[in-house]
Amino acid sequence: MRPRDTSEKAWQYFIQLLRRVPPAQKVQNVFELCEVVRRLIEADVRRCHPGASDREVFLRVAARRLGIETVRRVYGWDPGSNDPVPDRP
């Protein structure tokens, strides 16, 4: 989907460039982008919870990425509660 601020000609050129990228590089780009997103989420968690331990930050990032229900089920902790952060299993 072409961004509204991009001309059709520029968009087609961009698509041509993307098609030239080798598959292995595309996969690498996806992994790098996922890491950037994880770091942005982590930075926001640390901003919102400045006193959080590394474990709490890990669990809060997991809750944002995987969902609260998954974190409750897998780690036994609800980020919305006042319960202490559980130690590692």
C-alpha atoms as a PDB file:
ATOM      1  CA  MET A   1       0.000   0.000   0.000  1.00  0.00           C
ATOM      2  CA  ARG A   2       1.526   3.239  -1.160  1.00  0.00           C
ATOM      3  CA  PRO A   3       1.838   5.994   1.448  1.00  0.00           C
ATOM      4  CA  ARG A   4      -0.250   9.075   0.624  1.00  0.00           C
ATOM      5  CA  ASP A   5       2.811  11.324   0.601  1.00  0.00           C
ATOM      6  CA  THR A   6       4.601   9.191  -2.030  1.00  0.00           C
ATOM      7  CA  SER A   7       4.070   9.571  -5.756  1.00  0.00           C
ATOM      8  CA  GLU A   8       3.171   6.537  -7.832  1.00  0.00           C
ATOM      9  CA  LYS A   9       6.458   6.822  -9.740  1.00  0.00           C
ATOM     10  CA  ALA A  10       8.524   6.943  -6.542  1.00  0.00           C
ATOM     11  CA  TRP A  11       6.551   4.026  -5.099  1.00  0.00           C
ATOM     12  CA  GLN A  12       7.141   1.871  -8.179  1.00  0.00           C
ATOM     13  CA  TYR A  13      10.854   2.659  -8.013  1.00  0.00           C
ATOM     14  CA  PHE A  14      10.908   1.656  -4.325  1.00  0.00           C
ATOM     15  CA  ILE A  15       9.155  -1.641  -5.162  1.00  0.00           C
ATOM     16  CA  GLN A  16      11.750  -2.336  -7.867  1.00  0.00           C
ATOM     17  CA  LEU A  17      14.524  -1.763  -5.335  1.00  0.00           C
ATOM     18  CA  LEU A  18      12.881  -4.115  -2.839  1.00  0.00           C
ATOM     19  CA  ARG A  19      12.596  -6.836  -5.468  1.00  0.00           C
ATOM     20  CA  ARG A  20      16.372  -6.692  -5.963  1.00  0.00           C
ATOM     21  CA  VAL A  21      17.122  -7.440  -2.320  1.00  0.00           C
ATOM     22  CA  PRO A  22      18.245 -11.069  -1.894  1.00  0.00           C
ATOM     23  CA  PRO A  23      15.936 -13.253   0.230  1.00  0.00           C
ATOM     24  CA  ALA A  24      18.558 -13.766   2.940  1.00  0.00           C
ATOM     25  CA  GLN A  25      18.919  -9.998   3.308  1.00  0.00           C
ATOM     26  CA  LYS A  26      15.143  -9.601   3.536  1.00  0.00           C
ATOM     27  CA  VAL A  27      15.065 -12.110   6.395  1.00  0.00           C
ATOM     28  CA  GLN A  28      17.936 -10.307   8.106  1.00  0.00           C
ATOM     29  CA  ASN A  29      16.070  -7.013   7.733  1.00  0.00           C
ATOM     30  CA  VAL A  30      12.988  -8.524   9.394  1.00  0.00           C
ATOM     31  CA  PHE A  31      15.040  -9.771  12.361  1.00  0.00           C
ATOM     32  CA  GLU A  32      16.704  -6.383  12.740  1.00  0.00           C
ATOM     33  CA  LEU A  33      13.357  -4.595  12.624  1.00  0.00           C
ATOM     34  CA  CYS A  34      11.948  -6.951  15.271  1.00  0.00           C
ATOM     35  CA  GLU A  35      14.910  -6.119  17.519  1.00  0.00           C
ATOM     36  CA  VAL A  36      14.353  -2.390  17.011  1.00  0.00           C
ATOM     37  CA  VAL A  37      10.691  -2.796  17.987  1.00  0.00           C
ATOM     38  CA  ARG A  38      11.651  -4.837  21.077  1.00  0.00           C
ATOM     39  CA  ARG A  39      14.107  -2.146  22.167  1.00  0.00           C
ATOM     40  CA  LEU A  40      11.514   0.593  21.670  1.00  0.00           C
ATOM     41  CA  ILE A  41       9.006  -1.342  23.782  1.00  0.00           C
ATOM     42  CA  GLU A  42      11.654  -1.930  26.452  1.00  0.00           C
ATOM     43  CA  ALA A  43      12.554   1.762  26.520  1.00  0.00           C
ATOM     44  CA  ASP A  44       8.901   2.690  26.964  1.00  0.00           C
ATOM     45  CA  VAL A  45       8.464   0.145  29.771  1.00  0.00           C
ATOM     46  CA  ARG A  46      11.523   1.563  31.548  1.00  0.00           C
ATOM     47  CA  ARG A  47      10.121   5.086  31.090  1.00  0.00           C
ATOM     48  CA  CYS A  48       6.736   4.111  32.517  1.00  0.00           C
ATOM     49  CA  HIS A  49       8.207   1.979  35.327  1.00  0.00           C
ATOM     50  CA  PRO A  50      11.547   3.586  36.246  1.00  0.00           C
ATOM     51  CA  GLY A  51      12.043   1.429  39.356  1.00  0.00           C
ATOM     52  CA  ALA A  52      11.351  -1.868  37.614  1.00  0.00           C
ATOM     53  CA  SER A  53      13.881  -4.675  37.870  1.00  0.00           C
ATOM     54  CA  ASP A  54      15.251  -6.265  34.710  1.00  0.00           C
ATOM     55  CA  ARG A  55      12.916  -9.229  35.346  1.00  0.00           C
ATOM     56  CA  GLU A  56       9.873  -6.963  35.601  1.00  0.00           C
ATOM     57  CA  VAL A  57      10.888  -5.156  32.421  1.00  0.00           C
ATOM     58  CA  PHE A  58      11.243  -8.524  30.673  1.00  0.00           C
ATOM     59  CA  LEU A  59       7.757  -9.579  31.787  1.00  0.00           C
ATOM     60  CA  ARG A  60       6.165  -6.258  30.863  1.00  0.00           C
ATOM     61  CA  VAL A  61       7.767  -6.376  27.406  1.00  0.00           C
ATOM     62  CA  ALA A  62       6.523  -9.960  27.045  1.00  0.00           C
ATOM     63  CA  ALA A  63       3.016  -8.830  28.007  1.00  0.00           C
ATOM     64  CA  ARG A  64       3.029  -6.160  25.319  1.00  0.00           C
ATOM     65  CA  ARG A  65       4.320  -8.524  22.663  1.00  0.00           C
ATOM     66  CA  LEU A  66       2.543 -11.755  23.614  1.00  0.00           C
ATOM     67  CA  GLY A  67      -0.500 -10.470  25.479  1.00  0.00           C
ATOM     68  CA  ILE A  68      -1.337 -10.328  29.156  1.00  0.00           C
ATOM     69  CA  GLU A  69      -3.142 -13.682  29.156  1.00  0.00           C
ATOM     70  CA  THR A  70      -0.077 -15.444  27.782  1.00  0.00           C
ATOM     71  CA  VAL A  71       2.167 -13.845  30.417  1.00  0.00           C
ATOM     72  CA  ARG A  72      -0.289 -14.838  33.161  1.00  0.00           C
ATOM     73  CA  ARG A  73      -0.396 -18.414  31.909  1.00  0.00           C
ATOM     74  CA  VAL A  74       3.313 -18.863  31.157  1.00  0.00           C
ATOM     75  CA  TYR A  75       4.936 -16.737  33.875  1.00  0.00           C
ATOM     76  CA  GLY A  76       2.179 -16.655  36.490  1.00  0.00           C
ATOM     77  CA  TRP A  77       2.208 -12.869  36.763  1.00  0.00           C
ATOM     78  CA  ASP A  78      -0.269 -10.174  35.841  1.00  0.00           C
ATOM     79  CA  PRO A  79       1.347  -6.858  34.895  1.00  0.00           C
ATOM     80  CA  GLY A  80      -1.830  -5.050  35.953  1.00  0.00           C
ATOM     81  CA  SER A  81      -1.690  -6.365  39.507  1.00  0.00           C
ATOM     82  CA  ASN A  82       0.324  -5.182  42.477  1.00  0.00           C
ATOM     83  CA  ASP A  83       1.686  -8.693  42.992  1.00  0.00           C
ATOM     84  CA  PRO A  84       5.447  -9.016  43.281  1.00  0.00           C
ATOM     85  CA  VAL A  85       7.320 -10.121  40.196  1.00  0.00           C
ATOM     86  CA  PRO A  86       7.999 -13.862  40.386  1.00  0.00           C
ATOM     87  CA  ASP A  87      11.540 -15.162  40.308  1.00  0.00           C
ATOM     88  CA  ARG A  88      12.654 -17.108  37.317  1.00  0.00           C
ATOM     89  CA  PRO A  89      11.377 -20.682  37.260  1.00  0.00           C
END
